[in-house]
């Protein structure tokens, strides 16, 4: 069995919509093993027989849609893939852990779409933006809560859904996966 993390998008775990316990039970029913939710809403560690990440992401999104009627998507990675995404973030060592984020993308956008996003945002705020592999790296210099670089702005420019995690959370997930 291999260990994976699923980073769920468009989901609010813990509120009235979906409890972590219900999510764990639903995934275990569908042959996900050693399921645990970690760090914050929408992060699920699990073991599964080896399978391409895209197939696991589809399966996980299907389970959530079928069991809870929530249209979500998942980015699924093993520890090495998550660590590689962290390593490619050019702001991880120079920005504050809580301000530097990775927007995990549902798919790799066209290079032109990324260039358009960066150009369209260039004069709107102090954020630093860089493209990655199925990721957009952002240093929200003054905080993600006060930025003009909204999730909708990113999704419209890139043409795909995304879910963001800060560097502190990513490092913690990697640490837990190393156990």
Protein backbone atom coordinates (compact mmCIF):
# COMPACT_ATOMS: atom_id res chain seq x y z
CA UNK A 1 0.00 0.00 0.00
CA UNK A 2 1.16 3.50 -0.81
CA UNK A 3 0.53 6.61 1.29
CA UNK A 4 -1.06 9.65 -0.35
CA UNK A 5 -2.48 13.03 0.54
CA UNK A 6 -5.62 14.37 -1.08
CA UNK A 7 -6.04 18.12 -1.09
CA UNK A 8 -9.74 18.72 -1.60
CA UNK A 9 -11.10 21.84 -3.22
CA UNK A 10 -14.54 23.43 -2.90
CA UNK A 11 -15.25 21.70 0.37
CA UNK A 12 -15.86 22.83 3.93
CA UNK A 13 -14.99 19.96 6.24
CA UNK A 14 -16.04 20.35 9.84
CA UNK A 15 -19.05 22.62 9.44
CA UNK A 16 -22.63 21.59 8.88
CA UNK A 17 -21.88 20.31 5.40
CA UNK A 18 -19.38 17.54 6.06
CA UNK A 19 -17.74 16.25 9.20
CA UNK A 20 -14.28 14.74 9.13
CA UNK A 21 -15.66 11.56 10.70
CA UNK A 22 -18.25 11.15 7.93
CA UNK A 23 -15.61 11.79 5.28
CA UNK A 24 -13.29 9.18 6.82
CA UNK A 25 -16.09 6.60 6.96
CA UNK A 26 -17.12 7.19 3.35
CA UNK A 27 -13.55 6.82 2.11
CA UNK A 28 -12.93 3.69 4.18
CA UNK A 29 -16.12 2.17 2.72
CA UNK A 30 -14.58 2.67 -0.74
CA UNK A 31 -11.28 0.87 0.00
CA UNK A 32 -9.21 3.83 1.15
CA UNK A 33 -7.20 2.64 4.16
CA UNK A 34 -5.57 4.35 7.16
CA UNK A 35 -7.66 7.45 6.46
CA UNK A 36 -6.90 10.51 8.57
CA UNK A 37 -7.71 14.16 8.14
CA UNK A 38 -4.84 16.48 8.97
CA UNK A 39 -3.83 20.10 9.60
CA UNK A 40 -7.00 21.80 8.31
CA UNK A 41 -10.15 21.21 6.36
CA UNK A 42 -9.80 19.32 3.13
CA UNK A 43 -6.50 17.49 3.76
CA UNK A 44 -6.87 13.72 3.83
CA UNK A 45 -4.06 11.19 4.24
CA UNK A 46 -4.78 7.64 3.15
CA UNK A 47 -3.24 4.41 1.97
CA UNK A 48 -4.30 2.77 -1.26
CA UNK A 49 -2.91 0.21 -3.63
CA UNK A 50 -0.70 1.89 -6.19
CA UNK A 51 -2.67 3.74 -8.83
CA UNK A 52 -2.04 6.85 -10.92
CA UNK A 53 -2.77 9.97 -8.89
CA UNK A 54 -5.35 11.13 -11.46
CA UNK A 55 -7.33 7.92 -10.96
CA UNK A 56 -7.28 8.32 -7.19
CA UNK A 57 -8.34 11.96 -7.51
CA UNK A 58 -11.31 10.95 -9.66
CA UNK A 59 -12.29 8.18 -7.26
CA UNK A 60 -12.08 10.46 -4.25
CA UNK A 61 -14.13 13.22 -5.91
CA UNK A 62 -16.72 10.64 -6.96
CA UNK A 63 -17.06 9.34 -3.39
CA UNK A 64 -17.59 12.85 -1.99
CA UNK A 65 -20.09 13.71 -4.74
CA UNK A 66 -21.97 10.41 -4.35
CA UNK A 67 -22.03 10.30 -0.54
CA UNK A 68 -22.46 14.01 0.26
CA UNK A 69 -23.69 15.69 -2.95
CA UNK A 70 -20.71 18.03 -2.89
CA UNK A 71 -19.06 18.81 -6.23
CA UNK A 72 -15.37 18.77 -5.38
CA UNK A 73 -12.07 17.90 -6.94
CA UNK A 74 -8.94 16.52 -5.38
CA UNK A 75 -5.26 16.88 -6.03
CA UNK A 76 -3.65 13.61 -4.94
CA UNK A 77 0.09 13.30 -4.32
CA UNK A 78 2.50 10.99 -2.62
CA UNK A 79 5.04 12.43 -0.18
CA UNK A 80 7.77 12.82 -2.82
CA UNK A 81 5.44 14.72 -5.16
CA UNK A 82 4.29 17.05 -2.38
CA UNK A 83 7.90 17.65 -1.33
CA UNK A 84 8.83 18.42 -4.97
CA UNK A 85 6.03 21.00 -5.16
CA UNK A 86 7.32 22.63 -1.99
CA UNK A 87 10.89 22.59 -3.32
CA UNK A 88 9.91 24.32 -6.57
CA UNK A 89 8.24 27.21 -4.69
CA UNK A 90 10.60 30.16 -5.16
CA UNK A 91 9.15 32.02 -2.17
CA UNK A 92 9.26 29.20 0.40
CA UNK A 93 12.56 30.31 1.88
CA UNK A 94 12.18 34.09 1.53
CA UNK A 95 8.56 34.69 2.56
CA UNK A 96 6.62 34.05 5.76
CA UNK A 97 5.28 30.49 5.99
CA UNK A 98 1.73 31.67 6.64
CA UNK A 99 1.82 34.14 3.72
CA UNK A 100 3.42 31.90 1.08
CA UNK A 101 0.89 29.58 -0.56
CA UNK A 102 0.72 26.91 -3.19
CA UNK A 103 -2.43 26.85 -5.28
CA UNK A 104 -2.67 23.21 -6.30
CA UNK A 105 -4.24 23.09 -9.74
CA UNK A 106 -6.72 20.56 -11.09
CA UNK A 107 -4.58 20.34 -14.22
CA UNK A 108 -1.58 22.03 -15.79
CA UNK A 109 -2.75 25.28 -17.44
CA UNK A 110 -1.43 26.50 -20.76
CA UNK A 111 1.71 28.67 -20.38
CA UNK A 112 -0.15 31.54 -22.07
CA UNK A 113 -2.85 31.42 -19.37
CA UNK A 114 -0.24 31.68 -16.61
CA UNK A 115 1.50 34.55 -18.41
CA UNK A 116 -1.87 36.32 -18.80
CA UNK A 117 -2.64 35.91 -15.08
CA UNK A 118 0.73 37.33 -14.06
CA UNK A 119 0.45 40.22 -16.54
CA UNK A 120 -3.16 41.03 -15.58
CA UNK A 121 -2.23 41.15 -11.90
CA UNK A 122 1.10 42.97 -12.22
CA UNK A 123 -0.16 46.40 -11.12
CA UNK A 124 -2.88 45.32 -8.66
CA UNK A 125 -0.84 44.43 -5.58
CA UNK A 126 2.47 43.42 -4.02
CA UNK A 127 1.99 39.65 -4.34
CA UNK A 128 4.75 37.65 -5.95
CA UNK A 129 3.53 34.95 -8.35
CA UNK A 130 5.33 32.05 -10.03
CA UNK A 131 4.19 29.06 -12.04
CA UNK A 132 4.98 25.50 -11.04
CA UNK A 133 4.07 21.97 -12.03
CA UNK A 134 0.28 21.85 -11.59
CA UNK A 135 0.79 24.65 -9.08
CA UNK A 136 0.74 28.39 -8.77
CA UNK A 137 3.08 29.75 -6.10
CA UNK A 138 2.05 32.98 -4.42
CA UNK A 139 3.63 35.09 -1.71
CA UNK A 140 0.73 37.07 -0.22
CA UNK A 141 3.12 39.65 1.17
CA UNK A 142 0.46 41.48 3.22
CA UNK A 143 -1.75 38.45 3.86
CA UNK A 144 -4.17 36.32 1.88
CA UNK A 145 -7.13 37.96 3.64
CA UNK A 146 -6.46 41.40 2.18
CA UNK A 147 -5.30 40.51 -1.32
CA UNK A 148 -6.92 41.43 -4.61
CA UNK A 149 -5.59 38.16 -6.03
CA UNK A 150 -8.81 36.24 -5.42
CA UNK A 151 -9.52 32.60 -6.11
CA UNK A 152 -12.01 33.61 -8.82
CA UNK A 153 -9.39 35.82 -10.49
CA UNK A 154 -6.97 32.87 -10.58
CA UNK A 155 -9.57 30.34 -11.79
CA UNK A 156 -10.83 32.61 -14.58
CA UNK A 157 -7.33 33.32 -15.87
CA UNK A 158 -6.06 29.74 -15.65
CA UNK A 159 -9.28 28.04 -16.68
CA UNK A 160 -9.10 25.43 -13.92
CA UNK A 161 -10.07 24.87 -10.33
CA UNK A 162 -7.50 25.12 -7.55
CA UNK A 163 -7.12 24.73 -3.83
CA UNK A 164 -4.53 26.60 -1.78
CA UNK A 165 -2.43 25.63 1.23
CA UNK A 166 0.18 27.73 3.01
CA UNK A 167 3.77 26.56 3.39
CA UNK A 168 3.32 25.87 7.10
CA UNK A 169 0.50 23.40 6.36
CA UNK A 170 2.40 21.74 3.52
CA UNK A 171 5.48 21.23 5.70
CA UNK A 172 3.30 19.73 8.45
CA UNK A 173 1.62 17.33 6.01
CA UNK A 174 5.01 16.20 4.69
CA UNK A 175 6.23 15.68 8.26
CA UNK A 176 3.19 13.52 9.09
CA UNK A 177 3.62 11.51 5.86
CA UNK A 178 7.24 10.73 6.82
CA UNK A 179 6.14 8.78 9.90
